Amino acid sequence: RNAMGSYAGQLNAGDRWRVAMYVMNAFKGGMTPASSGAA
């Protein structure tokens, strides 16, 4: 986004979500865990 390039080549599918989860948990006050396969 904007000046930041894609990191899909550096992080695999699961790890991209792990980083996103950490960002929300550490810097945005938490996040909602997945409750089912719907997510």
PDB file of all heavy atoms in Angstrom:
ATOM      1  N   ARG A   1       0.847  -1.185   0.000  1.00  0.00           N
ATOM      2  CA  ARG A   1       0.000   0.000   0.000  1.00  0.00           C
ATOM      3  C   ARG A   1       0.887   1.242   0.000  1.00  0.00           C
ATOM      4  O   ARG A   1       1.841   1.336   0.762  1.00  0.00           O
ATOM      5  CB  ARG A   1      -0.945   0.029   1.198  1.00  0.00           C
ATOM      6  CG  ARG A   1      -1.930   1.209   1.166  1.00  0.00           C
ATOM      7  CD  ARG A   1      -3.038   1.015   2.194  1.00  0.00           C
ATOM      8  NE  ARG A   1      -3.984   2.102   2.202  1.00  0.00           N
ATOM      9  CZ  ARG A   1      -4.993   2.244   1.344  1.00  0.00           C
ATOM     10  NH1 ARG A   1      -5.159   1.325   0.387  1.00  0.00           N
ATOM     11  NH2 ARG A   1      -5.815   3.264   1.409  1.00  0.00           N
ATOM     12  N   ASN A   2       0.545   2.199  -0.869  1.00  0.00           N
ATOM     13  CA  ASN A   2       1.318   3.428  -1.007  1.00  0.00           C
ATOM     14  C   ASN A   2       2.790   3.082  -1.269  1.00  0.00           C
ATOM     15  O   ASN A   2       3.096   2.366  -2.202  1.00  0.00           O
ATOM     16  CB  ASN A   2       1.142   4.317   0.222  1.00  0.00           C
ATOM     17  CG  ASN A   2      -0.308   4.748   0.407  1.00  0.00           C
ATOM     18  OD1 ASN A   2      -1.022   4.955  -0.570  1.00  0.00           O
ATOM     19  ND2 ASN A   2      -0.751   4.873   1.642  1.00  0.00           N
ATOM     20  N   ALA A   3       3.704   3.557  -0.416  1.00  0.00           N
ATOM     21  CA  ALA A   3       5.130   3.317  -0.648  1.00  0.00           C
ATOM     22  C   ALA A   3       5.580   1.939  -0.199  1.00  0.00           C
ATOM     23  O   ALA A   3       6.696   1.515  -0.507  1.00  0.00           O
ATOM     24  CB  ALA A   3       5.956   4.385   0.073  1.00  0.00           C
ATOM     25  N   MET A   4       4.730   1.214   0.526  1.00  0.00           N
ATOM     26  CA  MET A   4       5.105  -0.112   1.010  1.00  0.00           C
ATOM     27  C   MET A   4       4.768  -1.165  -0.042  1.00  0.00           C
ATOM     28  O   MET A   4       3.650  -1.227  -0.542  1.00  0.00           O
ATOM     29  CB  MET A   4       4.359  -0.428   2.313  1.00  0.00           C
ATOM     30  CG  MET A   4       4.587  -1.845   2.812  1.00  0.00           C
ATOM     31  SD  MET A   4       3.693  -2.150   4.353  1.00  0.00           S
ATOM     32  CE  MET A   4       3.717  -3.955   4.388  1.00  0.00           C
ATOM     33  N   GLY A   5       5.734  -1.976  -0.353  1.00  0.00           N
ATOM     34  CA  GLY A   5       5.513  -3.045  -1.319  1.00  0.00           C
ATOM     35  C   GLY A   5       4.913  -4.280  -0.673  1.00  0.00           C
ATOM     36  O   GLY A   5       4.789  -4.361   0.556  1.00  0.00           O
ATOM     37  N   SER A   6       4.538  -5.240  -1.487  1.00  0.00           N
ATOM     38  CA  SER A   6       3.987  -6.492  -0.988  1.00  0.00           C
ATOM     39  C   SER A   6       5.063  -7.312  -0.294  1.00  0.00           C
ATOM     40  O   SER A   6       6.211  -7.347  -0.723  1.00  0.00           O
ATOM     41  CB  SER A   6       3.403  -7.296  -2.148  1.00  0.00           C
ATOM     42  OG  SER A   6       3.133  -8.630  -1.753  1.00  0.00           O
ATOM     43  N   TYR A   7       4.662  -7.977   0.797  1.00  0.00           N
ATOM     44  CA  TYR A   7       5.558  -8.892   1.497  1.00  0.00           C
ATOM     45  C   TYR A   7       5.082 -10.339   1.355  1.00  0.00           C
ATOM     46  O   TYR A   7       5.469 -11.198   2.136  1.00  0.00           O
ATOM     47  CB  TYR A   7       5.658  -8.509   2.975  1.00  0.00           C
ATOM     48  CG  TYR A   7       6.696  -7.443   3.219  1.00  0.00           C
ATOM     49  CD1 TYR A   7       6.447  -6.123   2.871  1.00  0.00           C
ATOM     50  CD2 TYR A   7       7.938  -7.754   3.744  1.00  0.00           C
ATOM     51  CE1 TYR A   7       7.390  -5.138   3.063  1.00  0.00           C
ATOM     52  CE2 TYR A   7       8.901  -6.779   3.936  1.00  0.00           C
ATOM     53  CZ  TYR A   7       8.622  -5.465   3.599  1.00  0.00           C
ATOM     54  OH  TYR A   7       9.574  -4.493   3.782  1.00  0.00           O
ATOM     55  N   ALA A   8       4.270 -10.590   0.325  1.00  0.00           N
ATOM     56  CA  ALA A   8       3.787 -11.944   0.091  1.00  0.00           C
ATOM     57  C   ALA A   8       4.927 -12.895  -0.245  1.00  0.00           C
ATOM     58  O   ALA A   8       4.827 -14.099  -0.001  1.00  0.00           O
ATOM     59  CB  ALA A   8       2.754 -11.944  -1.038  1.00  0.00           C
ATOM     60  N   GLY A   9       5.996 -12.370  -0.799  1.00  0.00           N
ATOM     61  CA  GLY A   9       7.139 -13.204  -1.124  1.00  0.00           C
ATOM     62  C   GLY A   9       8.036 -13.486   0.061  1.00  0.00           C
ATOM     63  O   GLY A   9       8.836 -14.416   0.031  1.00  0.00           O
ATOM     64  N   GLN A  10       7.927 -12.679   1.113  1.00  0.00           N
ATOM     65  CA  GLN A  10       8.768 -12.866   2.290  1.00  0.00           C
ATOM     66  C   GLN A  10       8.078 -13.661   3.390  1.00  0.00           C
ATOM     67  O   GLN A  10       8.737 -14.297   4.204  1.00  0.00           O
ATOM     68  CB  GLN A  10       9.181 -11.498   2.866  1.00  0.00           C
ATOM     69  CG  GLN A  10      10.214 -10.750   2.033  1.00  0.00           C
ATOM     70  CD  GLN A  10       9.596  -9.974   0.882  1.00  0.00           C
ATOM     71  OE1 GLN A  10       8.401 -10.077   0.630  1.00  0.00           O
ATOM     72  NE2 GLN A  10      10.395  -9.198   0.177  1.00  0.00           N
ATOM     73  N   LEU A  11       6.750 -13.610   3.418  1.00  0.00           N
ATOM     74  CA  LEU A  11       5.990 -14.286   4.471  1.00  0.00           C
ATOM     75  C   LEU A  11       4.962 -15.206   3.832  1.00  0.00           C
ATOM     76  O   LEU A  11       4.230 -14.798   2.926  1.00  0.00           O
ATOM     77  CB  LEU A  11       5.268 -13.263   5.361  1.00  0.00           C
ATOM     78  CG  LEU A  11       6.170 -12.274   6.121  1.00  0.00           C
ATOM     79  CD1 LEU A  11       5.324 -11.169   6.749  1.00  0.00           C
ATOM     80  CD2 LEU A  11       6.980 -12.994   7.180  1.00  0.00           C
ATOM     81  N   ASN A  12       4.884 -16.441   4.317  1.00  0.00           N
ATOM     82  CA  ASN A  12       3.904 -17.369   3.753  1.00  0.00           C
ATOM     83  C   ASN A  12       2.495 -17.023   4.248  1.00  0.00           C
ATOM     84  O   ASN A  12       2.304 -16.115   5.061  1.00  0.00           O
ATOM     85  CB  ASN A  12       4.276 -18.818   4.067  1.00  0.00           C
ATOM     86  CG  ASN A  12       4.272 -19.118   5.560  1.00  0.00           C
ATOM     87  OD1 ASN A  12       3.402 -18.663   6.308  1.00  0.00           O
ATOM     88  ND2 ASN A  12       5.243 -19.898   6.019  1.00  0.00           N
ATOM     89  N   ALA A  13       1.511 -17.746   3.761  1.00  0.00           N
ATOM     90  CA  ALA A  13       0.115 -17.417   4.026  1.00  0.00           C
ATOM     91  C   ALA A  13      -0.194 -17.314   5.515  1.00  0.00           C
ATOM     92  O   ALA A  13      -0.775 -16.331   5.987  1.00  0.00           O
ATOM     93  CB  ALA A  13      -0.792 -18.456   3.364  1.00  0.00           C
ATOM     94  N   GLY A  14       0.191 -18.323   6.293  1.00  0.00           N
ATOM     95  CA  GLY A  14      -0.093 -18.303   7.715  1.00  0.00           C
ATOM     96  C   GLY A  14       0.663 -17.223   8.455  1.00  0.00           C
ATOM     97  O   GLY A  14       0.125 -16.557   9.344  1.00  0.00           O
ATOM     98  N   ASP A  15       1.921 -17.016   8.085  1.00  0.00           N
ATOM     99  CA  ASP A  15       2.743 -16.021   8.778  1.00  0.00           C
ATOM    100  C   ASP A  15       2.271 -14.601   8.524  1.00  0.00           C
ATOM    101  O   ASP A  15       2.419 -13.723   9.388  1.00  0.00           O
ATOM    102  CB  ASP A  15       4.209 -16.176   8.366  1.00  0.00           C
ATOM    103  CG  ASP A  15       4.874 -17.374   9.027  1.00  0.00           C
ATOM    104  OD1 ASP A  15       4.288 -17.903   9.998  1.00  0.00           O
ATOM    105  OD2 ASP A  15       5.959 -17.786   8.576  1.00  0.00           O
ATOM    106  N   ARG A  16       1.688 -14.352   7.368  1.00  0.00           N
ATOM    107  CA  ARG A  16       1.137 -13.019   7.124  1.00  0.00           C
ATOM    108  C   ARG A  16       0.011 -12.723   8.111  1.00  0.00           C
ATOM    109  O   ARG A  16      -0.105 -11.607   8.629  1.00  0.00           O
ATOM    110  CB  ARG A  16       0.637 -12.911   5.682  1.00  0.00           C
ATOM    111  CG  ARG A  16       1.739 -12.929   4.655  1.00  0.00           C
ATOM    112  CD  ARG A  16       1.261 -12.470   3.295  1.00  0.00           C
ATOM    113  NE  ARG A  16       0.371 -13.422   2.649  1.00  0.00           N
ATOM    114  CZ  ARG A  16       0.781 -14.414   1.868  1.00  0.00           C
ATOM    115  NH1 ARG A  16       2.065 -14.606   1.663  1.00  0.00           N
ATOM    116  NH2 ARG A  16      -0.091 -15.222   1.296  1.00  0.00           N
ATOM    117  N   TRP A  17      -0.806 -13.730   8.367  1.00  0.00           N
ATOM    118  CA  TRP A  17      -1.878 -13.545   9.341  1.00  0.00           C
ATOM    119  C   TRP A  17      -1.318 -13.419  10.748  1.00  0.00           C
ATOM    120  O   TRP A  17      -1.835 -12.667  11.579  1.00  0.00           O
ATOM    121  CB  TRP A  17      -2.872 -14.706   9.260  1.00  0.00           C
ATOM    122  CG  TRP A  17      -3.814 -14.577   8.107  1.00  0.00           C
ATOM    123  CD1 TRP A  17      -3.788 -15.274   6.935  1.00  0.00           C
ATOM    124  CD2 TRP A  17      -4.904 -13.659   8.004  1.00  0.00           C
ATOM    125  NE1 TRP A  17      -4.797 -14.859   6.107  1.00  0.00           N
ATOM    126  CE2 TRP A  17      -5.507 -13.871   6.735  1.00  0.00           C
ATOM    127  CE3 TRP A  17      -5.432 -12.683   8.848  1.00  0.00           C
ATOM    128  CZ2 TRP A  17      -6.606 -13.135   6.303  1.00  0.00           C
ATOM    129  CZ3 TRP A  17      -6.537 -11.948   8.416  1.00  0.00           C
ATOM    130  CH2 TRP A  17      -7.107 -12.178   7.157  1.00  0.00           C
ATOM    131  N   ARG A  18      -0.255 -14.117  11.042  1.00  0.00           N
ATOM    132  CA  ARG A  18       0.350 -14.022  12.383  1.00  0.00           C
ATOM    133  C   ARG A  18       0.885 -12.618  12.646  1.00  0.00           C
ATOM    134  O   ARG A  18       0.745 -12.081  13.743  1.00  0.00           O
ATOM    135  CB  ARG A  18       1.453 -15.067  12.531  1.00  0.00           C
ATOM    136  CG  ARG A  18       0.923 -16.502  12.583  1.00  0.00           C
ATOM    137  CD  ARG A  18       2.031 -17.532  12.755  1.00  0.00           C
ATOM    138  NE  ARG A  18       1.469 -18.867  12.833  1.00  0.00           N
ATOM    139  CZ  ARG A  18       1.324 -19.689  11.799  1.00  0.00           C
ATOM    140  NH1 ARG A  18       1.731 -19.308  10.587  1.00  0.00           N
ATOM    141  NH2 ARG A  18       0.783 -20.883  11.957  1.00  0.00           N
ATOM    142  N   VAL A  19       1.506 -12.031  11.637  1.00  0.00           N
ATOM    143  CA  VAL A  19       1.996 -10.666  11.799  1.00  0.00           C
ATOM    144  C   VAL A  19       0.825  -9.703  11.973  1.00  0.00           C
ATOM    145  O   VAL A  19       0.860  -8.804  12.834  1.00  0.00           O
ATOM    146  CB  VAL A  19       2.857 -10.246  10.592  1.00  0.00           C
ATOM    147  CG1 VAL A  19       3.192  -8.763  10.655  1.00  0.00           C
ATOM    148  CG2 VAL A  19       4.137 -11.071  10.546  1.00  0.00           C
ATOM    149  N   ALA A  20      -0.225  -9.883  11.170  1.00  0.00           N
ATOM    150  CA  ALA A  20      -1.406  -9.014  11.295  1.00  0.00           C
ATOM    151  C   ALA A  20      -2.038  -9.158  12.673  1.00  0.00           C
ATOM    152  O   ALA A  20      -2.458  -8.162  13.283  1.00  0.00           O
ATOM    153  CB  ALA A  20      -2.416  -9.359  10.197  1.00  0.00           C
ATOM    154  N   MET A  21      -2.113 -10.375  13.172  1.00  0.00           N
ATOM    155  CA  MET A  21      -2.652 -10.611  14.510  1.00  0.00           C
ATOM    156  C   MET A  21      -1.805  -9.910  15.572  1.00  0.00           C
ATOM    157  O   MET A  21      -2.333  -9.275  16.500  1.00  0.00           O
ATOM    158  CB  MET A  21      -2.699 -12.116  14.797  1.00  0.00           C
ATOM    159  CG  MET A  21      -3.715 -12.886  13.978  1.00  0.00           C
ATOM    160  SD  MET A  21      -3.474 -14.688  14.123  1.00  0.00           S
ATOM    161  CE  MET A  21      -3.751 -14.937  15.877  1.00  0.00           C
ATOM    162  N   TYR A  22      -0.501 -10.004  15.432  1.00  0.00           N
ATOM    163  CA  TYR A  22       0.381  -9.364  16.412  1.00  0.00           C
ATOM    164  C   TYR A  22       0.222  -7.849  16.392  1.00  0.00           C
ATOM    165  O   TYR A  22       0.184  -7.196  17.450  1.00  0.00           O
ATOM    166  CB  TYR A  22       1.836  -9.738  16.145  1.00  0.00           C
ATOM    167  CG  TYR A  22       2.789  -8.959  17.012  1.00  0.00           C
ATOM    168  CD1 TYR A  22       2.919  -9.254  18.372  1.00  0.00           C
ATOM    169  CD2 TYR A  22       3.534  -7.892  16.495  1.00  0.00           C
ATOM    170  CE1 TYR A  22       3.765  -8.515  19.188  1.00  0.00           C
ATOM    171  CE2 TYR A  22       4.381  -7.151  17.306  1.00  0.00           C
ATOM    172  CZ  TYR A  22       4.486  -7.467  18.646  1.00  0.00           C
ATOM    173  OH  TYR A  22       5.315  -6.725  19.460  1.00  0.00           O
ATOM    174  N   VAL A  23       0.117  -7.269  15.204  1.00  0.00           N
ATOM    175  CA  VAL A  23      -0.055  -5.819  15.088  1.00  0.00           C
ATOM    176  C   VAL A  23      -1.311  -5.375  15.825  1.00  0.00           C
ATOM    177  O   VAL A  23      -1.291  -4.407  16.599  1.00  0.00           O
ATOM    178  CB  VAL A  23      -0.116  -5.396  13.607  1.00  0.00           C
ATOM    179  CG1 VAL A  23      -0.602  -3.962  13.470  1.00  0.00           C
ATOM    180  CG2 VAL A  23       1.255  -5.553  12.957  1.00  0.00           C
ATOM    181  N   MET A  24      -2.411  -6.076  15.591  1.00  0.00           N
ATOM    182  CA  MET A  24      -3.665  -5.705  16.244  1.00  0.00           C
ATOM    183  C   MET A  24      -3.588  -5.913  17.749  1.00  0.00           C
ATOM    184  O   MET A  24      -4.085  -5.094  18.534  1.00  0.00           O
ATOM    185  CB  MET A  24      -4.823  -6.519  15.654  1.00  0.00           C
ATOM    186  CG  MET A  24      -5.097  -6.246  14.194  1.00  0.00           C
ATOM    187  SD  MET A  24      -5.486  -4.518  13.844  1.00  0.00           S
ATOM    188  CE  MET A  24      -7.030  -4.344  14.776  1.00  0.00           C
ATOM    189  N   ASN A  25      -2.959  -6.996  18.161  1.00  0.00           N
ATOM    190  CA  ASN A  25      -2.884  -7.315  19.587  1.00  0.00           C
ATOM    191  C   ASN A  25      -1.950  -6.363  20.331  1.00  0.00           C
ATOM    192  O   ASN A  25      -2.239  -5.929  21.453  1.00  0.00           O
ATOM    193  CB  ASN A  25      -2.417  -8.753  19.772  1.00  0.00           C
ATOM    194  CG  ASN A  25      -2.501  -9.224  21.212  1.00  0.00           C
ATOM    195  OD1 ASN A  25      -3.592  -9.434  21.730  1.00  0.00           O
ATOM    196  ND2 ASN A  25      -1.367  -9.388  21.872  1.00  0.00           N
ATOM    197  N   ALA A  26      -0.831  -6.009  19.717  1.00  0.00           N
ATOM    198  CA  ALA A  26       0.174  -5.194  20.392  1.00  0.00           C
ATOM    199  C   ALA A  26      -0.076  -3.697  20.286  1.00  0.00           C
ATOM    200  O   ALA A  26       0.236  -2.950  21.219  1.00  0.00           O
ATOM    201  CB  ALA A  26       1.561  -5.514  19.824  1.00  0.00           C
ATOM    202  N   PHE A  27      -0.665  -3.260  19.174  1.00  0.00           N
ATOM    203  CA  PHE A  27      -0.748  -1.822  18.943  1.00  0.00           C
ATOM    204  C   PHE A  27      -2.173  -1.276  18.820  1.00  0.00           C
ATOM    205  O   PHE A  27      -2.364  -0.060  18.773  1.00  0.00           O
ATOM    206  CB  PHE A  27       0.025  -1.459  17.660  1.00  0.00           C
ATOM    207  CG  PHE A  27       1.401  -2.052  17.624  1.00  0.00           C
ATOM    208  CD1 PHE A  27       1.831  -2.786  16.521  1.00  0.00           C
ATOM    209  CD2 PHE A  27       2.282  -1.896  18.686  1.00  0.00           C
ATOM    210  CE1 PHE A  27       3.109  -3.335  16.474  1.00  0.00           C
ATOM    211  CE2 PHE A  27       3.559  -2.451  18.653  1.00  0.00           C
ATOM    212  CZ  PHE A  27       3.975  -3.172  17.546  1.00  0.00           C
ATOM    213  N   LYS A  28      -3.165  -2.170  18.770  1.00  0.00           N
ATOM    214  CA  LYS A  28      -4.552  -1.704  18.621  1.00  0.00           C
ATOM    215  C   LYS A  28      -5.466  -2.241  19.716  1.00  0.00           C
ATOM    216  O   LYS A  28      -6.683  -2.219  19.584  1.00  0.00           O
ATOM    217  CB  LYS A  28      -5.098  -2.106  17.251  1.00  0.00           C
ATOM    218  CG  LYS A  28      -4.381  -1.452  16.081  1.00  0.00           C
ATOM    219  CD  LYS A  28      -4.569   0.064  16.066  1.00  0.00           C
ATOM    220  CE  LYS A  28      -5.998   0.438  15.671  1.00  0.00           C
ATOM    221  NZ  LYS A  28      -6.149   1.915  15.576  1.00  0.00           N
ATOM    222  N   GLY A  29      -4.905  -2.758  20.782  1.00  0.00           N
ATOM    223  CA  GLY A  29      -5.717  -3.160  21.934  1.00  0.00           C
ATOM    224  C   GLY A  29      -6.325  -4.535  21.846  1.00  0.00           C
ATOM    225  O   GLY A  29      -7.216  -4.861  22.644  1.00  0.00           O
ATOM    226  N   GLY A  30      -5.914  -5.369  20.912  1.00  0.00           N
ATOM    227  CA  GLY A  30      -6.438  -6.726  20.835  1.00  0.00           C
ATOM    228  C   GLY A  30      -7.187  -6.990  19.558  1.00  0.00           C
ATOM    229  O   GLY A  30      -7.370  -6.117  18.719  1.00  0.00           O
ATOM    230  N   MET A  31      -7.649  -8.227  19.420  1.00  0.00           N
ATOM    231  CA  MET A  31      -8.372  -8.620  18.218  1.00  0.00           C
ATOM    232  C   MET A  31      -9.290  -9.781  18.551  1.00  0.00           C
ATOM    233  O   MET A  31      -9.190 -10.400  19.610  1.00  0.00           O
ATOM    234  CB  MET A  31      -7.405  -9.038  17.113  1.00  0.00           C
ATOM    235  CG  MET A  31      -6.449 -10.152  17.509  1.00  0.00           C
ATOM    236  SD  MET A  31      -5.747 -10.979  16.093  1.00  0.00           S
ATOM    237  CE  MET A  31      -7.169 -11.877  15.511  1.00  0.00           C
ATOM    238  N   THR A  32     -10.203 -10.058  17.637  1.00  0.00           N
ATOM    239  CA  THR A  32     -11.159 -11.138  17.837  1.00  0.00           C
ATOM    240  C   THR A  32     -10.601 -12.429  17.272  1.00  0.00           C
ATOM    241  O   THR A  32     -10.243 -12.481  16.087  1.00  0.00           O
ATOM    242  CB  THR A  32     -12.494 -10.822  17.130  1.00  0.00           C
ATOM    243  OG1 THR A  32     -12.961  -9.558  17.586  1.00  0.00           O
ATOM    244  CG2 THR A  32     -13.522 -11.896  17.419  1.00  0.00           C
ATOM    245  N   PRO A  33     -10.490 -13.487  18.066  1.00  0.00           N
ATOM    246  CA  PRO A  33     -10.012 -14.771  17.529  1.00  0.00           C
ATOM    247  C   PRO A  33     -11.069 -15.402  16.635  1.00  0.00           C
ATOM    248  O   PRO A  33     -12.261 -15.127  16.766  1.00  0.00           O
ATOM    249  CB  PRO A  33      -9.771 -15.609  18.788  1.00  0.00           C
ATOM    250  CG  PRO A  33     -10.721 -15.048  19.789  1.00  0.00           C
ATOM    251  CD  PRO A  33     -10.796 -13.568  19.509  1.00  0.00           C
ATOM    252  N   ALA A  34     -10.653 -16.247  15.722  1.00  0.00           N
ATOM    253  CA  ALA A  34     -11.602 -16.951  14.852  1.00  0.00           C
ATOM    254  C   ALA A  34     -12.402 -17.942  15.681  1.00  0.00           C
ATOM    255  O   ALA A  34     -11.855 -18.705  16.465  1.00  0.00           O
ATOM    256  CB  ALA A  34     -10.840 -17.675  13.748  1.00  0.00           C
ATOM    257  N   SER A  35     -13.719 -17.930  15.512  1.00  0.00           N
ATOM    258  CA  SER A  35     -14.579 -18.828  16.284  1.00  0.00           C
ATOM    259  C   SER A  35     -15.037 -20.020  15.476  1.00  0.00           C
ATOM    260  O   SER A  35     -15.550 -20.986  16.008  1.00  0.00           O
ATOM    261  CB  SER A  35     -15.806 -18.057  16.789  1.00  0.00           C
ATOM    262  OG  SER A  35     -16.513 -17.489  15.695  1.00  0.00           O
ATOM    263  N   SER A  36     -14.881 -19.956  14.149  1.00  0.00           N
ATOM    264  CA  SER A  36     -15.318 -21.058  13.292  1.00  0.00           C
ATOM    265  C   SER A  36     -14.581 -20.965  11.974  1.00  0.00           C
ATOM    266  O   SER A  36     -13.761 -20.083  11.754  1.00  0.00           O
ATOM    267  CB  SER A  36     -16.830 -20.983  13.044  1.00  0.00           C
ATOM    268  OG  SER A  36     -17.136 -19.831  12.275  1.00  0.00           O
ATOM    269  N   GLY A  37     -14.918 -21.858  11.063  1.00  0.00           N
ATOM    270  CA  GLY A  37     -14.295 -21.851   9.744  1.00  0.00           C
ATOM    271  C   GLY A  37     -14.800 -20.723   8.872  1.00  0.00           C
ATOM    272  O   GLY A  37     -14.301 -20.512   7.783  1.00  0.00           O
ATOM    273  N   ALA A  38     -15.806 -19.976   9.338  1.00  0.00           N
ATOM    274  CA  ALA A  38     -16.355 -18.896   8.533  1.00  0.00           C
ATOM    275  C   ALA A  38     -15.316 -17.830   8.256  1.00  0.00           C
ATOM    276  O   ALA A  38     -15.254 -17.244   7.179  1.00  0.00           O
ATOM    277  CB  ALA A  38     -17.561 -18.279   9.242  1.00  0.00           C
ATOM    278  N   ALA A  39     -14.477 -17.562   9.260  1.00  0.00           N
ATOM    279  CA  ALA A  39     -13.463 -16.532   9.080  1.00  0.00           C
ATOM    280  C   ALA A  39     -12.493 -16.912   7.984  1.00  0.00           C
ATOM    281  O   ALA A  39     -12.077 -16.081   7.183  1.00  0.00           O
ATOM    282  CB  ALA A  39     -12.708 -16.306  10.391  1.00  0.00           C
TER     283      ALA A  39
END
